[in-house]
Amino acid sequence: MNINRIMQEIEGVFLELGFKNEIVGEKRFRYLVYNGCYCKITYLQSREAFVIECADNEKDASEGVLEDGDWYYLDDSLENLLIKLRQDIVTYYMT
């Protein structure tokens, strides 16, 4: 599997739902932002999974203080991963 392509697909779901790319803080962290929710997609090779990390405000995001969200493992099909991701984004990150 091409991890970069999957990362782009995941990011595409966020963008389709109305998130915007934003650079935050002195360290210039890159986030997907919607209504004060700052999300970052991280791939963990040791787990063969993506995790969505998030902060509820710009201060925490600029300091890199993030909470882990759901995990999306590569043992499932990309289609199923993206369906679950879309449902989770709407449920947990857009409220």
PDB file of N, CA and C in Angstrom:
ATOM      1  N   MET A   1       0.825  -1.188   0.000  1.00  0.00           N
ATOM      2  CA  MET A   1       0.000   0.000   0.000  1.00  0.00           C
ATOM      3  C   MET A   1       0.863   1.243   0.000  1.00  0.00           C
ATOM      4  N   ASN A   2       0.402   2.241  -0.705  1.00  0.00           N
ATOM      5  CA  ASN A   2       1.103   3.510  -0.762  1.00  0.00           C
ATOM      6  C   ASN A   2       0.575   4.417   0.349  1.00  0.00           C
ATOM      7  N   ILE A   3       1.360   4.596   1.390  1.00  0.00           N
ATOM      8  CA  ILE A   3       0.942   5.354   2.567  1.00  0.00           C
ATOM      9  C   ILE A   3       0.638   6.799   2.200  1.00  0.00           C
ATOM     10  N   ASN A   4       1.441   7.408   1.342  1.00  0.00           N
ATOM     11  CA  ASN A   4       1.197   8.799   0.953  1.00  0.00           C
ATOM     12  C   ASN A   4      -0.143   8.952   0.241  1.00  0.00           C
ATOM     13  N   ARG A   5      -0.481   7.997  -0.598  1.00  0.00           N
ATOM     14  CA  ARG A   5      -1.761   8.053  -1.306  1.00  0.00           C
ATOM     15  C   ARG A   5      -2.920   7.910  -0.332  1.00  0.00           C
ATOM     16  N   ILE A   6      -2.794   6.997   0.618  1.00  0.00           N
ATOM     17  CA  ILE A   6      -3.843   6.816   1.620  1.00  0.00           C
ATOM     18  C   ILE A   6      -3.991   8.085   2.462  1.00  0.00           C
ATOM     19  N   MET A   7      -2.867   8.688   2.832  1.00  0.00           N
ATOM     20  CA  MET A   7      -2.891   9.942   3.598  1.00  0.00           C
ATOM     21  C   MET A   7      -3.637  11.018   2.808  1.00  0.00           C
ATOM     22  N   GLN A   8      -3.396  11.108   1.518  1.00  0.00           N
ATOM     23  CA  GLN A   8      -4.095  12.083   0.681  1.00  0.00           C
ATOM     24  C   GLN A   8      -5.592  11.796   0.624  1.00  0.00           C
ATOM     25  N   GLU A   9      -5.955  10.529   0.553  1.00  0.00           N
ATOM     26  CA  GLU A   9      -7.372  10.144   0.537  1.00  0.00           C
ATOM     27  C   GLU A   9      -8.045  10.541   1.856  1.00  0.00           C
ATOM     28  N   ILE A  10      -7.368  10.279   2.962  1.00  0.00           N
ATOM     29  CA  ILE A  10      -7.903  10.633   4.276  1.00  0.00           C
ATOM     30  C   ILE A  10      -8.068  12.149   4.385  1.00  0.00           C
ATOM     31  N   GLU A  11      -7.041  12.878   4.000  1.00  0.00           N
ATOM     32  CA  GLU A  11      -7.115  14.333   4.038  1.00  0.00           C
ATOM     33  C   GLU A  11      -8.242  14.841   3.134  1.00  0.00           C
ATOM     34  N   GLY A  12      -8.431  14.196   1.998  1.00  0.00           N
ATOM     35  CA  GLY A  12      -9.499  14.577   1.072  1.00  0.00           C
ATOM     36  C   GLY A  12     -10.875  14.483   1.698  1.00  0.00           C
ATOM     37  N   VAL A  13     -11.091  13.488   2.551  1.00  0.00           N
ATOM     38  CA  VAL A  13     -12.377  13.352   3.233  1.00  0.00           C
ATOM     39  C   VAL A  13     -12.598  14.557   4.148  1.00  0.00           C
ATOM     40  N   PHE A  14     -11.573  14.940   4.909  1.00  0.00           N
ATOM     41  CA  PHE A  14     -11.691  16.116   5.771  1.00  0.00           C
ATOM     42  C   PHE A  14     -12.030  17.360   4.942  1.00  0.00           C
ATOM     43  N   LEU A  15     -11.331  17.555   3.849  1.00  0.00           N
ATOM     44  CA  LEU A  15     -11.548  18.738   3.019  1.00  0.00           C
ATOM     45  C   LEU A  15     -12.942  18.741   2.394  1.00  0.00           C
ATOM     46  N   GLU A  16     -13.412  17.583   1.946  1.00  0.00           N
ATOM     47  CA  GLU A  16     -14.761  17.485   1.384  1.00  0.00           C
ATOM     48  C   GLU A  16     -15.819  17.875   2.405  1.00  0.00           C
ATOM     49  N   LEU A  17     -15.558  17.607   3.665  1.00  0.00           N
ATOM     50  CA  LEU A  17     -16.519  17.902   4.735  1.00  0.00           C
ATOM     51  C   LEU A  17     -16.414  19.342   5.244  1.00  0.00           C
ATOM     52  N   GLY A  18     -15.505  20.132   4.669  1.00  0.00           N
ATOM     53  CA  GLY A  18     -15.424  21.546   5.024  1.00  0.00           C
ATOM     54  C   GLY A  18     -14.258  21.959   5.886  1.00  0.00           C
ATOM     55  N   PHE A  19     -13.362  21.039   6.215  1.00  0.00           N
ATOM     56  CA  PHE A  19     -12.160  21.411   6.961  1.00  0.00           C
ATOM     57  C   PHE A  19     -11.234  22.212   6.044  1.00  0.00           C
ATOM     58  N   LYS A  20     -10.425  23.066   6.646  1.00  0.00           N
ATOM     59  CA  LYS A  20      -9.448  23.879   5.914  1.00  0.00           C
ATOM     60  C   LYS A  20      -8.057  23.594   6.461  1.00  0.00           C
ATOM     61  N   ASN A  21      -7.052  23.646   5.579  1.00  0.00           N
ATOM     62  CA  ASN A  21      -5.662  23.524   6.017  1.00  0.00           C
ATOM     63  C   ASN A  21      -5.249  24.825   6.685  1.00  0.00           C
ATOM     64  N   GLU A  22      -4.571  24.717   7.826  1.00  0.00           N
ATOM     65  CA  GLU A  22      -4.085  25.886   8.545  1.00  0.00           C
ATOM     66  C   GLU A  22      -2.730  25.578   9.161  1.00  0.00           C
ATOM     67  N   ILE A  23      -1.848  26.573   9.145  1.00  0.00           N
ATOM     68  CA  ILE A  23      -0.554  26.482   9.819  1.00  0.00           C
ATOM     69  C   ILE A  23      -0.696  27.257  11.126  1.00  0.00           C
ATOM     70  N   VAL A  24      -0.285  26.635  12.252  1.00  0.00           N
ATOM     71  CA  VAL A  24      -0.548  27.207  13.576  1.00  0.00           C
ATOM     72  C   VAL A  24       0.743  27.274  14.396  1.00  0.00           C
ATOM     73  N   GLY A  25       0.919  28.393  15.099  1.00  0.00           N
ATOM     74  CA  GLY A  25       1.984  28.536  16.087  1.00  0.00           C
ATOM     75  C   GLY A  25       3.369  28.774  15.499  1.00  0.00           C
ATOM     76  N   GLU A  26       4.300  29.032  16.409  1.00  0.00           N
ATOM     77  CA  GLU A  26       5.692  29.300  16.024  1.00  0.00           C
ATOM     78  C   GLU A  26       6.340  28.097  15.352  1.00  0.00           C
ATOM     79  N   LYS A  27       5.944  26.895  15.774  1.00  0.00           N
ATOM     80  CA  LYS A  27       6.516  25.681  15.182  1.00  0.00           C
ATOM     81  C   LYS A  27       5.872  25.341  13.842  1.00  0.00           C
ATOM     82  N   ARG A  28       4.857  26.114  13.479  1.00  0.00           N
ATOM     83  CA  ARG A  28       4.184  25.994  12.186  1.00  0.00           C
ATOM     84  C   ARG A  28       3.622  24.589  11.953  1.00  0.00           C
ATOM     85  N   PHE A  29       2.888  24.094  12.957  1.00  0.00           N
ATOM     86  CA  PHE A  29       2.202  22.811  12.819  1.00  0.00           C
ATOM     87  C   PHE A  29       1.088  22.957  11.794  1.00  0.00           C
ATOM     88  N   ARG A  30       0.880  21.933  10.999  1.00  0.00           N
ATOM     89  CA  ARG A  30      -0.164  21.933   9.976  1.00  0.00           C
ATOM     90  C   ARG A  30      -1.354  21.128  10.473  1.00  0.00           C
ATOM     91  N   TYR A  31      -2.534  21.748  10.412  1.00  0.00           N
ATOM     92  CA  TYR A  31      -3.761  21.104  10.876  1.00  0.00           C
ATOM     93  C   TYR A  31      -4.868  21.222   9.843  1.00  0.00           C
ATOM     94  N   LEU A  32      -5.839  20.335   9.991  1.00  0.00           N
ATOM     95  CA  LEU A  32      -7.113  20.441   9.301  1.00  0.00           C
ATOM     96  C   LEU A  32      -8.082  20.988  10.332  1.00  0.00           C
ATOM     97  N   VAL A  33      -8.695  22.145  10.038  1.00  0.00           N
ATOM     98  CA  VAL A  33      -9.447  22.880  11.050  1.00  0.00           C
ATOM     99  C   VAL A  33     -10.900  23.061  10.623  1.00  0.00           C
ATOM    100  N   TYR A  34     -11.789  22.848  11.607  1.00  0.00           N
ATOM    101  CA  TYR A  34     -13.216  23.075  11.408  1.00  0.00           C
ATOM    102  C   TYR A  34     -13.810  23.551  12.718  1.00  0.00           C
ATOM    103  N   ASN A  35     -14.345  24.765  12.720  1.00  0.00           N
ATOM    104  CA  ASN A  35     -15.093  25.278  13.863  1.00  0.00           C
ATOM    105  C   ASN A  35     -14.336  25.114  15.192  1.00  0.00           C
ATOM    106  N   GLY A  36     -13.056  25.466  15.209  1.00  0.00           N
ATOM    107  CA  GLY A  36     -12.264  25.407  16.430  1.00  0.00           C
ATOM    108  C   GLY A  36     -11.697  24.046  16.780  1.00  0.00           C
ATOM    109  N   CYS A  37     -11.906  23.060  15.917  1.00  0.00           N
ATOM    110  CA  CYS A  37     -11.342  21.721  16.113  1.00  0.00           C
ATOM    111  C   CYS A  37     -10.134  21.562  15.187  1.00  0.00           C
ATOM    112  N   TYR A  38      -8.980  21.272  15.757  1.00  0.00           N
ATOM    113  CA  TYR A  38      -7.720  21.167  15.016  1.00  0.00           C
ATOM    114  C   TYR A  38      -7.319  19.699  14.934  1.00  0.00           C
ATOM    115  N   CYS A  39      -7.308  19.147  13.728  1.00  0.00           N
ATOM    116  CA  CYS A  39      -7.013  17.728  13.538  1.00  0.00           C
ATOM    117  C   CYS A  39      -5.713  17.532  12.773  1.00  0.00           C
ATOM    118  N   LYS A  40      -5.020  16.476  13.137  1.00  0.00           N
ATOM    119  CA  LYS A  40      -3.763  16.098  12.482  1.00  0.00           C
ATOM    120  C   LYS A  40      -3.817  14.598  12.214  1.00  0.00           C
ATOM    121  N   ILE A  41      -3.436  14.198  11.030  1.00  0.00           N
ATOM    122  CA  ILE A  41      -3.409  12.787  10.646  1.00  0.00           C
ATOM    123  C   ILE A  41      -1.979  12.278  10.829  1.00  0.00           C
ATOM    124  N   THR A  42      -1.832  11.200  11.568  1.00  0.00           N
ATOM    125  CA  THR A  42      -0.512  10.623  11.804  1.00  0.00           C
ATOM    126  C   THR A  42      -0.538   9.147  11.419  1.00  0.00           C
ATOM    127  N   TYR A  43       0.520   8.708  10.725  1.00  0.00           N
ATOM    128  CA  TYR A  43       0.654   7.285  10.401  1.00  0.00           C
ATOM    129  C   TYR A  43       1.686   6.676  11.340  1.00  0.00           C
ATOM    130  N   LEU A  44       1.306   5.575  11.967  1.00  0.00           N
ATOM    131  CA  LEU A  44       2.216   4.857  12.857  1.00  0.00           C
ATOM    132  C   LEU A  44       2.594   3.533  12.196  1.00  0.00           C
ATOM    133  N   GLN A  45       3.790   3.490  11.672  1.00  0.00           N
ATOM    134  CA  GLN A  45       4.249   2.318  10.935  1.00  0.00           C
ATOM    135  C   GLN A  45       4.260   1.071  11.810  1.00  0.00           C
ATOM    136  N   SER A  46       4.647   1.220  13.070  1.00  0.00           N
ATOM    137  CA  SER A  46       4.735   0.062  13.966  1.00  0.00           C
ATOM    138  C   SER A  46       3.367  -0.597  14.179  1.00  0.00           C
ATOM    139  N   ARG A  47       2.299   0.167  14.022  1.00  0.00           N
ATOM    140  CA  ARG A  47       0.943  -0.360  14.200  1.00  0.00           C
ATOM    141  C   ARG A  47       0.211  -0.559  12.873  1.00  0.00           C
ATOM    142  N   GLU A  48       0.844  -0.104  11.794  1.00  0.00           N
ATOM    143  CA  GLU A  48       0.205  -0.124  10.474  1.00  0.00           C
ATOM    144  C   GLU A  48      -1.187   0.481  10.551  1.00  0.00           C
ATOM    145  N   ALA A  49      -1.215   1.707  11.115  1.00  0.00           N
ATOM    146  CA  ALA A  49      -2.492   2.374  11.323  1.00  0.00           C
ATOM    147  C   ALA A  49      -2.320   3.888  11.265  1.00  0.00           C
ATOM    148  N   PHE A  50      -3.401   4.544  10.905  1.00  0.00           N
ATOM    149  CA  PHE A  50      -3.484   5.995  10.982  1.00  0.00           C
ATOM    150  C   PHE A  50      -4.240   6.339  12.252  1.00  0.00           C
ATOM    151  N   VAL A  51      -3.882   7.463  12.862  1.00  0.00           N
ATOM    152  CA  VAL A  51      -4.615   7.959  14.018  1.00  0.00           C
ATOM    153  C   VAL A  51      -4.905   9.435  13.768  1.00  0.00           C
ATOM    154  N   ILE A  52      -6.084   9.850  14.179  1.00  0.00           N
ATOM    155  CA  ILE A  52      -6.445  11.259  14.103  1.00  0.00           C
ATOM    156  C   ILE A  52      -6.201  11.848  15.484  1.00  0.00           C
ATOM    157  N   GLU A  53      -5.320  12.839  15.531  1.00  0.00           N
ATOM    158  CA  GLU A  53      -5.036  13.543  16.773  1.00  0.00           C
ATOM    159  C   GLU A  53      -5.726  14.896  16.681  1.00  0.00           C
ATOM    160  N   CYS A  54      -6.196  15.405  17.819  1.00  0.00           N
ATOM    161  CA  CYS A  54      -6.908  16.678  17.736  1.00  0.00           C
ATOM    162  C   CYS A  54      -6.721  17.518  18.988  1.00  0.00           C
ATOM    163  N   ALA A  55      -6.991  18.810  18.815  1.00  0.00           N
ATOM    164  CA  ALA A  55      -7.018  19.782  19.909  1.00  0.00           C
ATOM    165  C   ALA A  55      -8.306  20.578  19.764  1.00  0.00           C
ATOM    166  N   ASP A  56      -8.840  21.022  20.900  1.00  0.00           N
ATOM    167  CA  ASP A  56     -10.098  21.762  20.908  1.00  0.00           C
ATOM    168  C   ASP A  56      -9.926  23.267  20.773  1.00  0.00           C
ATOM    169  N   ASN A  57      -8.666  23.722  20.731  1.00  0.00           N
ATOM    170  CA  ASN A  57      -8.449  25.162  20.619  1.00  0.00           C
ATOM    171  C   ASN A  57      -7.082  25.437  19.996  1.00  0.00           C
ATOM    172  N   GLU A  58      -6.914  26.663  19.528  1.00  0.00           N
ATOM    173  CA  GLU A  58      -5.683  27.041  18.824  1.00  0.00           C
ATOM    174  C   GLU A  58      -4.470  27.023  19.748  1.00  0.00           C
ATOM    175  N   LYS A  59      -4.650  27.384  21.016  1.00  0.00           N
ATOM    176  CA  LYS A  59      -3.526  27.392  21.954  1.00  0.00           C
ATOM    177  C   LYS A  59      -2.931  25.993  22.086  1.00  0.00           C
ATOM    178  N   ASP A  60      -3.767  25.003  22.351  1.00  0.00           N
ATOM    179  CA  ASP A  60      -3.272  23.633  22.463  1.00  0.00           C
ATOM    180  C   ASP A  60      -2.665  23.163  21.148  1.00  0.00           C
ATOM    181  N   ALA A  61      -3.298  23.491  20.043  1.00  0.00           N
ATOM    182  CA  ALA A  61      -2.784  23.088  18.735  1.00  0.00           C
ATOM    183  C   ALA A  61      -1.405  23.699  18.480  1.00  0.00           C
ATOM    184  N   SER A  62      -1.229  24.971  18.821  1.00  0.00           N
ATOM    185  CA  SER A  62       0.061  25.633  18.582  1.00  0.00           C
ATOM    186  C   SER A  62       1.165  25.057  19.452  1.00  0.00           C
ATOM    187  N   GLU A  63       0.786  24.479  20.607  1.00  0.00           N
ATOM    188  CA  GLU A  63       1.767  23.869  21.502  1.00  0.00           C
ATOM    189  C   GLU A  63       1.926  22.374  21.241  1.00  0.00           C
ATOM    190  N   GLY A  64       1.146  21.833  20.303  1.00  0.00           N
ATOM    191  CA  GLY A  64       1.230  20.405  19.992  1.00  0.00           C
ATOM    192  C   GLY A  64       0.603  19.517  21.046  1.00  0.00           C
ATOM    193  N   VAL A  65      -0.305  20.069  21.864  1.00  0.00           N
ATOM    194  CA  VAL A  65      -0.994  19.306  22.897  1.00  0.00           C
ATOM    195  C   VAL A  65      -2.240  18.690  22.260  1.00  0.00           C
ATOM    196  N   LEU A  66      -2.124  17.421  21.893  1.00  0.00           N
ATOM    197  CA  LEU A  66      -3.184  16.757  21.137  1.00  0.00           C
ATOM    198  C   LEU A  66      -3.669  15.509  21.856  1.00  0.00           C
ATOM    199  N   GLU A  67      -4.922  15.190  21.618  1.00  0.00           N
ATOM    200  CA  GLU A  67      -5.490  13.944  22.118  1.00  0.00           C
ATOM    201  C   GLU A  67      -5.635  12.979  20.949  1.00  0.00           C
ATOM    202  N   ASP A  68      -5.347  11.708  21.219  1.00  0.00           N
ATOM    203  CA  ASP A  68      -5.540  10.689  20.188  1.00  0.00           C
ATOM    204  C   ASP A  68      -7.021  10.413  20.016  1.00  0.00           C
ATOM    205  N   GLY A  69      -7.410  10.282  18.763  1.00  0.00           N
ATOM    206  CA  GLY A  69      -8.781   9.903  18.451  1.00  0.00           C
ATOM    207  C   GLY A  69      -8.814   8.454  18.013  1.00  0.00           C
ATOM    208  N   ASP A  70      -9.656   8.182  17.051  1.00  0.00           N
ATOM    209  CA  ASP A  70      -9.803   6.818  16.569  1.00  0.00           C
ATOM    210  C   ASP A  70      -8.613   6.379  15.721  1.00  0.00           C
ATOM    211  N   TRP A  71      -8.444   5.061  15.678  1.00  0.00           N
ATOM    212  CA  TRP A  71      -7.383   4.441  14.892  1.00  0.00           C
ATOM    213  C   TRP A  71      -8.001   3.801  13.655  1.00  0.00           C
ATOM    214  N   TYR A  72      -7.272   3.871  12.555  1.00  0.00           N
ATOM    215  CA  TYR A  72      -7.737   3.304  11.280  1.00  0.00           C
ATOM    216  C   TYR A  72      -6.626   2.393  10.755  1.00  0.00           C
ATOM    217  N   TYR A  73      -6.869   1.100  10.894  1.00  0.00           N
ATOM    218  CA  TYR A  73      -5.858   0.097  10.574  1.00  0.00           C
ATOM    219  C   TYR A  73      -5.900  -0.270   9.090  1.00  0.00           C
ATOM    220  N   LEU A  74      -4.750  -0.629   8.582  1.00  0.00           N
ATOM    221  CA  LEU A  74      -4.626  -0.960   7.165  1.00  0.00           C
ATOM    222  C   LEU A  74      -5.029  -2.392   6.846  1.00  0.00           C
ATOM    223  N   ASP A  75      -5.490  -3.145   7.853  1.00  0.00           N
ATOM    224  CA  ASP A  75      -5.920  -4.515   7.575  1.00  0.00           C
ATOM    225  C   ASP A  75      -7.320  -4.550   6.968  1.00  0.00           C
ATOM    226  N   ASP A  76      -7.954  -3.396   6.860  1.00  0.00           N
ATOM    227  CA  ASP A  76      -9.261  -3.269   6.227  1.00  0.00           C
ATOM    228  C   ASP A  76      -9.056  -2.654   4.836  1.00  0.00           C
ATOM    229  N   SER A  77     -10.065  -2.713   4.012  1.00  0.00           N
ATOM    230  CA  SER A  77      -9.951  -2.112   2.688  1.00  0.00           C
ATOM    231  C   SER A  77      -9.941  -0.587   2.824  1.00  0.00           C
ATOM    232  N   LEU A  78      -9.354   0.078   1.845  1.00  0.00           N
ATOM    233  CA  LEU A  78      -9.321   1.541   1.847  1.00  0.00           C
ATOM    234  C   LEU A  78     -10.744   2.088   1.824  1.00  0.00           C
ATOM    235  N   GLU A  79     -11.614   1.475   1.058  1.00  0.00           N
ATOM    236  CA  GLU A  79     -13.003   1.935   0.977  1.00  0.00           C
ATOM    237  C   GLU A  79     -13.669   1.900   2.359  1.00  0.00           C
ATOM    238  N   ASN A  80     -13.521   0.802   3.084  1.00  0.00           N
ATOM    239  CA  ASN A  80     -14.114   0.694   4.422  1.00  0.00           C
ATOM    240  C   ASN A  80     -13.475   1.678   5.400  1.00  0.00           C
ATOM    241  N   LEU A  81     -12.177   1.853   5.306  1.00  0.00           N
ATOM    242  CA  LEU A  81     -11.466   2.801   6.156  1.00  0.00           C
ATOM    243  C   LEU A  81     -12.039   4.200   5.948  1.00  0.00           C
ATOM    244  N   LEU A  82     -12.231   4.611   4.697  1.00  0.00           N
ATOM    245  CA  LEU A  82     -12.728   5.951   4.401  1.00  0.00           C
ATOM    246  C   LEU A  82     -14.186   6.128   4.816  1.00  0.00           C
ATOM    247  N   ILE A  83     -14.988   5.091   4.707  1.00  0.00           N
ATOM    248  CA  ILE A  83     -16.387   5.159   5.148  1.00  0.00           C
ATOM    249  C   ILE A  83     -16.447   5.370   6.658  1.00  0.00           C
ATOM    250  N   LYS A  84     -15.666   4.576   7.397  1.00  0.00           N
ATOM    251  CA  LYS A  84     -15.639   4.717   8.862  1.00  0.00           C
ATOM    252  C   LYS A  84     -15.096   6.088   9.250  1.00  0.00           C
ATOM    253  N   LEU A  85     -14.050   6.517   8.576  1.00  0.00           N
ATOM    254  CA  LEU A  85     -13.457   7.822   8.850  1.00  0.00           C
ATOM    255  C   LEU A  85     -14.487   8.933   8.659  1.00  0.00           C
ATOM    256  N   ARG A  86     -15.203   8.920   7.561  1.00  0.00           N
ATOM    257  CA  ARG A  86     -16.199   9.961   7.274  1.00  0.00           C
ATOM    258  C   ARG A  86     -17.261  10.002   8.386  1.00  0.00           C
ATOM    259  N   GLN A  87     -17.734   8.844   8.793  1.00  0.00           N
ATOM    260  CA  GLN A  87     -18.734   8.782   9.865  1.00  0.00           C
ATOM    261  C   GLN A  87     -18.165   9.341  11.170  1.00  0.00           C
ATOM    262  N   ASP A  88     -16.936   8.979  11.492  1.00  0.00           N
ATOM    263  CA  ASP A  88     -16.305   9.437  12.731  1.00  0.00           C
ATOM    264  C   ASP A  88     -16.047  10.945  12.714  1.00  0.00           C
ATOM    265  N   ILE A  89     -15.637  11.479  11.579  1.00  0.00           N
ATOM    266  CA  ILE A  89     -15.383  12.924  11.479  1.00  0.00           C
ATOM    267  C   ILE A  89     -16.659  13.690  11.780  1.00  0.00           C
ATOM    268  N   VAL A  90     -17.748  13.285  11.145  1.00  0.00           N
ATOM    269  CA  VAL A  90     -19.027  13.974  11.358  1.00  0.00           C
ATOM    270  C   VAL A  90     -19.469  13.837  12.812  1.00  0.00           C
ATOM    271  N   THR A  91     -19.315  12.652  13.392  1.00  0.00           N
ATOM    272  CA  THR A  91     -19.776  12.401  14.750  1.00  0.00           C
ATOM    273  C   THR A  91     -18.910  13.085  15.808  1.00  0.00           C
ATOM    274  N   TYR A  92     -17.582  13.025  15.656  1.00  0.00           N
ATOM    275  CA  TYR A  92     -16.693  13.461  16.735  1.00  0.00           C
ATOM    276  C   TYR A  92     -16.007  14.801  16.531  1.00  0.00           C
ATOM    277  N   TYR A  93     -15.798  15.212  15.300  1.00  0.00           N
ATOM    278  CA  TYR A  93     -14.981  16.392  15.061  1.00  0.00           C
ATOM    279  C   TYR A  93     -15.755  17.598  14.492  1.00  0.00           C
ATOM    280  N   MET A  94     -17.019  17.400  14.174  1.00  0.00           N
ATOM    281  CA  MET A  94     -17.784  18.489  13.578  1.00  0.00           C
ATOM    282  C   MET A  94     -18.941  18.940  14.472  1.00  0.00           C
ATOM    283  N   THR A  95     -18.969  18.500  15.706  1.00  0.00           N
ATOM    284  CA  THR A  95     -20.066  18.875  16.595  1.00  0.00           C
ATOM    285  C   THR A  95     -19.719  20.043  17.473  1.00  0.00           C
TER     286      THR A  95
END
